[in-house]
Structures are given as structure tokens and as C-alpha cells.
Protein backbone atom coordinates (compact mmCIF):
# COMPACT_ATOMS: atom_id res chain seq x y z
CA MET A 1 0.00 0.00 0.00
CA ARG A 2 2.84 2.37 0.87
CA VAL A 3 4.48 1.78 -2.53
CA LEU A 4 1.21 2.46 -4.35
CA PHE A 5 0.74 5.64 -2.33
CA MET A 6 4.22 6.83 -3.29
CA VAL A 7 3.61 6.05 -6.97
CA ASP A 8 0.35 7.99 -6.89
CA ASN A 9 2.11 10.92 -5.25
CA VAL A 10 4.79 10.99 -7.95
CA ARG A 11 2.16 10.76 -10.66
CA ASP A 12 0.18 13.62 -9.13
CA MET A 13 3.34 15.70 -8.88
CA LEU A 14 4.17 15.13 -12.54
CA ARG A 15 0.60 15.84 -13.58
CA ASN A 16 0.80 19.13 -11.69
CA LEU A 17 4.05 19.97 -13.48
CA ILE A 18 2.39 19.43 -16.86
CA GLU A 19 -0.53 21.62 -15.84
CA LYS A 20 1.85 24.31 -14.62
CA ALA A 21 3.71 24.20 -17.94
CA GLN A 22 0.39 24.51 -19.77
CA ARG A 23 -0.46 27.60 -17.73
CA TYR A 24 2.90 29.12 -18.62
CA VAL A 25 2.23 28.41 -22.29
CA SER A 26 -1.17 30.10 -22.02
CA ASP A 27 0.53 33.14 -20.49
CA ALA A 28 3.14 33.15 -23.29
CA LYS A 29 5.89 32.26 -20.79
CA ILE A 30 7.34 29.69 -23.14
CA ASN A 31 10.84 29.57 -21.66
CA ASP A 32 9.44 29.01 -18.17
CA ALA A 33 7.25 26.19 -19.47
CA LEU A 34 10.21 24.55 -21.18
CA HIS A 35 12.39 24.91 -18.08
CA ILE A 36 9.87 23.03 -15.93
CA LEU A 37 9.64 20.14 -18.36
CA GLU A 38 13.36 19.99 -19.13
CA ILE A 39 14.57 19.84 -15.53
CA ASN A 40 12.11 17.01 -14.90
CA ARG A 41 12.79 15.18 -18.16
CA ASP A 42 14.16 12.06 -16.46
CA LYS A 43 11.07 11.78 -14.27
CA PHE A 44 8.85 11.69 -17.35
CA ALA A 45 10.96 9.00 -19.04
CA ASN A 46 9.42 6.01 -17.27
CA VAL A 47 5.81 6.92 -16.68
CA ASP A 48 2.59 5.42 -18.01
CA PHE A 49 1.46 6.10 -21.57
CA ASP A 50 -1.16 8.70 -20.64
CA LEU A 51 1.22 10.86 -18.63
CA ARG A 52 4.02 10.51 -21.17
CA PHE A 53 1.62 11.45 -23.95
CA ASP A 54 0.44 14.63 -22.20
CA TYR A 55 4.05 15.59 -21.48
CA LEU A 56 5.00 15.15 -25.14
CA ILE A 57 2.03 17.17 -26.39
CA VAL A 58 2.96 20.19 -24.27
CA LEU A 59 6.66 19.83 -25.04
CA GLY A 60 5.98 19.51 -28.76
CA TYR A 61 3.92 22.69 -28.80
CA ILE A 62 6.63 24.55 -26.89
CA PHE A 63 9.24 23.53 -29.47
CA ILE A 64 6.90 24.64 -32.28
CA VAL A 65 6.46 28.07 -30.73
CA ARG A 66 10.23 28.37 -30.23
CA GLY A 67 10.83 27.38 -33.85
CA GLU A 68 12.80 24.27 -32.86
CA LEU A 69 11.02 22.23 -35.49
CA LEU A 70 13.28 19.18 -35.65
CA LYS A 71 12.85 18.70 -31.91
CA ALA A 72 9.12 19.30 -32.24
CA GLU A 73 8.81 16.73 -35.02
CA LYS A 74 10.68 14.10 -33.03
CA VAL A 75 8.55 14.70 -29.94
CA VAL A 76 5.27 14.65 -31.85
CA GLU A 77 6.25 11.47 -33.72
CA GLU A 78 6.72 9.75 -30.36
CA ALA A 79 3.33 11.08 -29.26
CA ILE A 80 1.77 9.62 -32.42
CA ARG A 81 3.31 6.21 -31.67
CA ILE A 82 1.89 6.32 -28.14
CA SER A 83 -1.49 7.52 -29.41
CA ARG A 84 -1.87 4.35 -31.48
CA LYS A 85 -1.84 2.38 -28.22
CA ARG A 86 -4.55 4.54 -26.66
CA ALA A 87 -8.27 4.49 -27.42
CA ASP A 88 -8.29 8.25 -27.79
CA ARG A 89 -8.99 9.57 -31.26
CA ASP A 90 -8.99 13.17 -30.01
CA GLY A 91 -5.50 12.68 -28.64
CA ARG A 92 -4.23 11.27 -31.93
CA ALA A 93 -5.92 14.13 -33.79
CA LYS A 94 -4.08 16.57 -31.54
CA CYS A 95 -0.80 14.95 -32.61
CA TYR A 96 -1.57 15.46 -36.28
CA TYR A 97 -2.67 19.02 -35.55
CA LEU A 98 0.72 19.68 -33.95
CA MET A 99 2.50 18.05 -36.87
CA SER A 100 0.55 20.34 -39.19
CA LEU A 101 1.96 23.29 -37.24
CA VAL A 102 5.49 21.97 -37.76
CA PHE A 103 4.99 21.96 -41.53
CA HIS A 104 3.14 25.28 -41.41
CA ARG A 105 6.10 26.93 -39.72
CA ARG A 106 8.42 25.43 -42.33
CA GLY A 107 6.30 26.98 -45.05
CA GLU A 108 5.21 23.56 -46.31
CA PHE A 109 1.52 24.38 -46.35
CA GLU A 110 0.42 21.43 -48.51
CA LYS A 111 2.03 18.99 -46.08
CA SER A 112 0.44 20.89 -43.23
CA ASN A 113 -2.98 20.47 -44.84
CA ARG A 114 -2.44 16.74 -45.30
CA ARG A 115 -1.88 16.35 -41.55
CA LEU A 116 -4.96 18.45 -40.88
CA LYS A 117 -7.03 16.12 -43.07
CA VAL A 118 -5.97 13.18 -40.92
CA ALA A 119 -6.85 15.11 -37.77
CA ILE A 120 -10.28 16.08 -39.12
CA ARG A 121 -11.12 12.48 -40.03
CA LEU A 122 -10.12 11.33 -36.57
CA LEU A 123 -12.45 13.95 -35.10
CA VAL A 124 -15.46 13.13 -37.26
CA ASP A 125 -17.53 11.97 -34.26
CA SER A 126 -15.91 14.30 -31.74
CA ARG A 127 -17.42 17.29 -29.97
CA ASN A 128 -14.01 18.74 -29.14
CA ILE A 129 -14.82 22.28 -30.32
CA ARG A 130 -11.59 23.84 -29.08
CA LEU A 131 -9.43 21.46 -31.10
CA LYS A 132 -11.67 21.80 -34.15
CA MET A 133 -11.43 25.59 -33.95
CA SER A 134 -7.64 25.34 -33.73
CA ILE A 135 -7.59 23.12 -36.80
CA LEU A 136 -9.88 25.51 -38.64
CA GLN A 137 -7.54 28.42 -37.91
CA VAL A 138 -4.61 26.58 -39.48
CA LEU A 139 -6.74 25.60 -42.49
CA VAL A 140 -7.68 29.25 -42.98
CA MET A 141 -4.06 30.37 -42.69
CA ASN A 142 -2.79 27.71 -45.08
CA SER A 143 -5.48 28.61 -47.62
CA TYR A 144 -4.58 32.28 -47.32
CA LEU A 145 -0.87 31.63 -47.75
CA LEU A 146 -1.52 29.27 -50.68
CA ASN A 147 -3.91 31.81 -52.24
CA ARG A 148 -6.75 29.33 -52.58
CA ARG A 149 -10.23 28.75 -51.25
CA LEU A 150 -10.94 26.55 -48.27
CA ASP A 151 -11.67 22.91 -49.03
CA SER A 152 -15.47 22.65 -48.72
CA GLU A 153 -15.38 18.88 -48.18
CA LEU A 154 -13.00 19.26 -45.25
CA LEU A 155 -15.24 21.92 -43.75
CA LYS A 156 -18.21 19.55 -43.98
CA GLU A 157 -16.30 16.89 -42.07
CA LEU A 158 -15.02 19.38 -39.51
CA LYS A 159 -18.45 20.71 -38.58
CA LYS A 160 -20.10 17.36 -37.76
CA ASN A 161 -21.47 16.95 -34.22
CA THR A 162 -20.46 20.43 -33.11
CA GLY A 163 -23.66 22.38 -32.40
CA VAL A 164 -23.01 26.13 -32.59
CA PHE A 165 -19.62 25.57 -34.17
CA GLU A 166 -21.44 23.85 -37.04
CA ARG A 167 -23.24 27.12 -37.74
CA TYR A 168 -19.93 28.97 -37.60
CA ILE A 169 -18.49 26.59 -40.20
CA GLU A 170 -21.64 27.06 -42.28
CA ALA A 171 -21.10 30.82 -42.15
CA LEU A 172 -17.46 30.43 -43.16
CA SER A 173 -18.40 28.11 -46.04
CA LYS A 174 -21.06 30.51 -47.32
CA TYR A 175 -18.67 33.45 -47.00
CA ASN A 176 -16.04 31.45 -48.87
CA SER A 177 -18.58 30.85 -51.67
CA GLY A 178 -19.72 34.47 -51.82
CA TYR A 179 -23.11 34.00 -50.13
CA TYR A 180 -22.69 36.90 -47.75
CA GLU A 181 -26.27 37.47 -46.61
CA GLU A 182 -26.78 33.79 -45.81
CA ALA A 183 -23.46 33.75 -43.95
CA LEU A 184 -24.52 36.72 -41.85
CA GLN A 185 -27.67 34.90 -40.75
CA ASP A 186 -25.55 32.07 -39.35
CA ILE A 187 -23.19 34.58 -37.75
CA GLN A 188 -26.04 36.29 -35.91
CA TYR A 189 -27.04 32.96 -34.41
CA CYS A 190 -23.44 32.26 -33.34
CA LYS A 191 -23.14 35.68 -31.69
CA LYS A 192 -26.20 35.05 -29.55
CA GLU A 193 -25.14 31.55 -28.54
CA TRP A 194 -21.48 32.27 -27.81
CA LYS A 195 -22.28 35.30 -25.69
CA LYS A 196 -23.59 32.71 -23.22
CA ARG A 197 -20.63 30.35 -23.57
CA ASP A 198 -17.12 31.10 -24.75
CA LYS A 199 -15.63 34.52 -25.41
CA ILE A 200 -12.79 33.07 -27.48
CA TYR A 201 -15.28 31.87 -30.07
CA LEU A 202 -17.25 35.10 -29.70
CA ALA A 203 -14.15 37.09 -30.69
CA GLU A 204 -13.65 34.87 -33.74
CA THR A 205 -17.32 35.30 -34.64
CA TYR A 206 -17.18 39.10 -34.52
CA PHE A 207 -13.99 39.01 -36.58
CA LEU A 208 -15.63 36.84 -39.25
CA SER A 209 -18.76 38.99 -39.13
CA ALA A 210 -16.69 42.12 -39.75
CA GLN A 211 -14.96 40.40 -42.68
CA ILE A 212 -18.27 39.39 -44.26
CA LEU A 213 -19.82 42.82 -43.76
CA TYR A 214 -16.72 44.45 -45.24
CA LYS A 215 -16.80 42.17 -48.29
CA SER A 216 -20.50 42.85 -48.79
CA GLY A 217 -19.93 46.61 -48.73
CA LYS A 218 -21.55 47.29 -45.35
CA LEU A 219 -18.59 49.22 -44.04
CA LYS A 220 -20.24 51.02 -41.11
CA LYS A 221 -21.60 47.77 -39.69
CA ALA A 222 -18.26 46.10 -40.38
CA LEU A 223 -16.52 48.83 -38.39
CA ILE A 224 -18.77 48.17 -35.38
CA ASP A 225 -18.02 44.45 -35.41
CA ALA A 226 -14.30 44.97 -35.98
CA ARG A 227 -14.17 47.25 -32.96
CA LYS A 228 -16.04 44.61 -30.97
CA ALA A 229 -13.56 41.94 -32.06
CA VAL A 230 -10.72 44.18 -30.86
CA GLU A 231 -12.47 44.79 -27.54
CA ILE A 232 -13.06 41.10 -26.86
CA ALA A 233 -9.52 40.14 -27.91
CA ILE A 234 -8.13 42.69 -25.44
CA ASN A 235 -10.37 41.38 -22.65
CA ILE A 236 -9.37 37.75 -23.17
CA LYS A 237 -5.70 38.68 -23.80
CA ASP A 238 -5.61 37.03 -27.22
CA LYS A 239 -2.63 38.75 -28.87
CA ILE A 240 -2.86 36.96 -32.20
CA GLY A 241 -6.61 37.60 -32.39
CA LEU A 242 -6.02 41.21 -31.45
CA ALA A 243 -3.40 41.67 -34.18
CA ARG A 244 -5.76 40.26 -36.80
CA ALA A 245 -8.67 42.35 -35.53
CA GLN A 246 -6.56 45.52 -35.53
CA LEU A 247 -5.55 44.88 -39.14
CA LEU A 248 -9.15 44.44 -40.16
CA LEU A 249 -10.19 47.51 -38.18
CA GLY A 250 -7.47 49.51 -39.91
CA THR A 251 -8.58 48.35 -43.34
CA ILE A 252 -12.24 49.19 -42.73
CA SER A 253 -11.40 52.55 -41.13
CA ARG A 254 -9.17 53.45 -44.07
CA ASP A 255 -11.90 52.67 -46.59
CA LEU A 256 -14.34 54.79 -44.59
CA GLY A 257 -11.90 57.69 -44.63
CA LYS A 258 -11.23 57.47 -40.90
CA MET A 259 -7.50 57.81 -41.40
CA ASP A 260 -6.54 58.54 -37.79
CA GLU A 261 -8.25 55.38 -36.56
CA ALA A 262 -6.81 53.42 -39.48
CA LYS A 263 -3.23 54.54 -38.79
CA GLU A 264 -3.58 53.79 -35.09
CA ALA A 265 -4.99 50.31 -35.76
CA PHE A 266 -2.29 49.48 -38.33
CA HIS A 267 0.42 50.73 -35.98
CA LYS A 268 -0.89 48.60 -33.11
CA ALA A 269 -1.17 45.55 -35.35
CA GLU A 270 2.34 45.99 -36.71
CA ARG A 271 3.73 46.40 -33.20
CA LEU A 272 1.91 43.27 -32.04
CA PHE A 273 2.98 40.92 -34.79
CA SER A 274 6.56 42.22 -34.85
CA LYS A 275 6.95 40.96 -31.27
CA MET A 276 5.22 37.64 -31.74
CA ASP A 277 7.00 34.41 -31.00
CA ASN A 278 4.11 32.39 -32.26
CA TRP A 279 3.43 29.86 -35.01
CA GLN A 280 0.79 32.21 -36.44
CA ALA A 281 3.17 35.16 -36.73
CA GLU A 282 4.08 34.49 -40.38
CA TYR A 283 0.43 34.55 -41.38
CA VAL A 284 -0.30 37.75 -39.48
CA ALA A 285 2.87 39.41 -40.74
CA LYS A 286 2.02 38.59 -44.36
CA MET A 287 -1.52 39.86 -43.90
CA GLY A 288 -0.16 43.00 -42.28
CA ARG A 289 2.35 43.73 -45.03
CA GLU A 290 -0.26 43.29 -47.74
CA THR A 291 -2.78 45.44 -45.90
CA LEU A 292 -0.29 48.22 -45.26
CA GLU A 293 0.83 48.20 -48.90
CA ARG A 294 -2.67 48.74 -50.30
């Protein structure tokens, strides 16, 4: 009994270390997160599959953010091998999502998309909205950087069994196909629902709404939603979302002749993405350069 108690204590301690590292990652304290995991590397070497898997997932993401892509790839490959021994399709999907980030950061967007396809098919019966939203963000970025439309078939698979998120995907699909009014109807529904639930998705919804309104020529309404996207991103401390929202706000303000607001928004966006140590930075930087050059 004493031995079992000691084992449980060690396991709890290591679980707490992983959770602490995750909190550091959320607070953008990447070096602190890595330090915790690195100094305890030996302790994570001989643990059960579940604990080892969670350790590798966090470590892999840290290496991706730091741009240490060879290390990230090695870590994620081990996580994939472990995932095949676990009855956890969401976990395996997370591995392929991380591998897609490795290729995204290398600029190999086609390879990134192929990993995302695997992840989406693993998640076909899943209600893991957070992971699906993360996958969607990478799909959008890859499509933007490849200068092509989103894959409608992938979007159909991604939206299954997701409730409100399904309507968000519907809105994105309709927007992608040029059906702006229909997309806005879905967006209105998402706004109402996500006000009650998750502000992260609410920020994304206002951002998409502003994009659709802008594309459909409703600039004053687009400006309102872009400002709202900025406000929510500030409140939830989402720097990447804030940078994107500021860029959009600047674009809309410029086209409305509000040059002071446009310059301020562009300046804030440029300052944000110039300091980013984030796998999305390339996407935001490219968007920023193109917007500022118009």
C-alpha cells in the first residue's frame, strides 16, 4: 500500500508539473514552461502512456512556438506512436494538428494540410470544439498563404457533431462561396449563442462577421463588429486575435476615410505581430504587409 501511495504521489506531482507548464504556455511564458519540463525530463521518461503522452504534447507545442522544429517533429512522432496504443482519437488528432503546425512553420503548407485532413477524419464523431477551432484556424491560414479557397469537403467533415460551431463553419463556407447574406444569418445565431458560452469563439465570430460585412460593402456595420472583435480580444488577452482584428479595423477605417483610426490600428497591429513568438506570426505578418501596402 505504501508503494502504491508513493507512486500515486509521484504521478500527481508530474501531472501538476504538466498543468503548470500549460499555464505558462497560455501566459506566453514559453521559456518558463520549457524549463519546468526539461529539468524534470528524467522523471517523465518512465511513466505510463497517458502521462508521457500529455508531457509530449505540451513539449511539442513549446518547441513549435520556439521554432525548434526538428525537436518538435521528433517529440510529436513519439506522441503519435503512443497515441496508437490509446483508445483516444482526439489525442491522436491533436498529434496530427501539432505536426501540421510543424509543416506550417516550415512553409510547407500542402504537407500541413495533409496532416490536418488526418486530424479532421479522426475527429469526425468528436465534440471537441476547441481542437476543431484550432484546426480551422490553421486551415484558414494555409489557404490564405496558398492563395486558394478553403476545401469545402473538409469543412463539412469538420463541422459534424459540433452544435453552434457547425453554424460557424456554415457561415465560413457561405462566405467562402460568396453567399454573404446567408453567412450573416448564421453569424447572428453564433453571436447570440457564444455570448452565453465562450468569449474566445465570440471574438472569432465578430472578426468573421466584420470580414463578411466588409466584403458585402456594409462598411459602417463592419466597423462596429471589428471594434467589438478588438475589444473582446483585449479582454481575453488574445494577442494573435487582437493583431488580426486591428488589421481588419485599420482596413475598414481606411476605406471609410477614418484615417486617424486606421493609422492607429495598423500601428498597433504591426507592433503586435513584430513581437510575436508564435506559429501564427508568419500569417499575421504577411496579412499585415499586404494590408499596409494597399
